[in-house]
């Protein structure tokens, strides 16, 4: 095979792998930072079951608090206390592909005003993941937001993510900066490494030939 053909093939391999990886990284969550809504929550506003006022999200049984200026957000200026007047939840359905692995990331904190120091939250996707946050030392000005994540393998063309408070009062876990995307398979990374390595080798070979000419 001529050098140009090898180089072209390597570029195609790298390009295909890069395109696959980029596709896998597409953000699937709408309004993961809760910045968009039907109204300005001010300090905070309690939102009740069935509401879709927080763009992209549906409030589950009971209620949640849509937080504005009441405390420091993880990103932007808004977040959610998953316990409104009582423990509540929010949900969003995302597009998935059966058999593909997905990673869900979010920032977790807790209402420091009262209630148990340890705030508990459950996240439902294909299964259920439980998370806890210790509010010791947290304050409205410094919520100690903590990055958290989990993975799941989709079983259908759509998956509903539910974030629910397990804290039995009005002072629940706080949520912000939710993100979800497909996880690239190891074979994709291998293709990229091989492809870019081949491109580099061809470039070095061409330079040596040019110097020898």
Foldseek 3Di string as FASTA:
>chain_A
DDLVVLLVVLVVLLVVLVVVQVQQQDWFADPQFLPAFQDQQVQKDKDAAQDCRSPQKGKHHGIKIWGALVACGPDDGTWIFCFAQWWIKMKHKTFDDAQFKKKKKWWKFWQPPDADQKWKKWKDKPHIDIDIHGQVPADRHRRPIDMDMDMDGDHDRMIMIMIITPGTGRIHMMIGDITMGTDDDPVSVVSNVSSVVSNVVSVVVVVVVVVVD
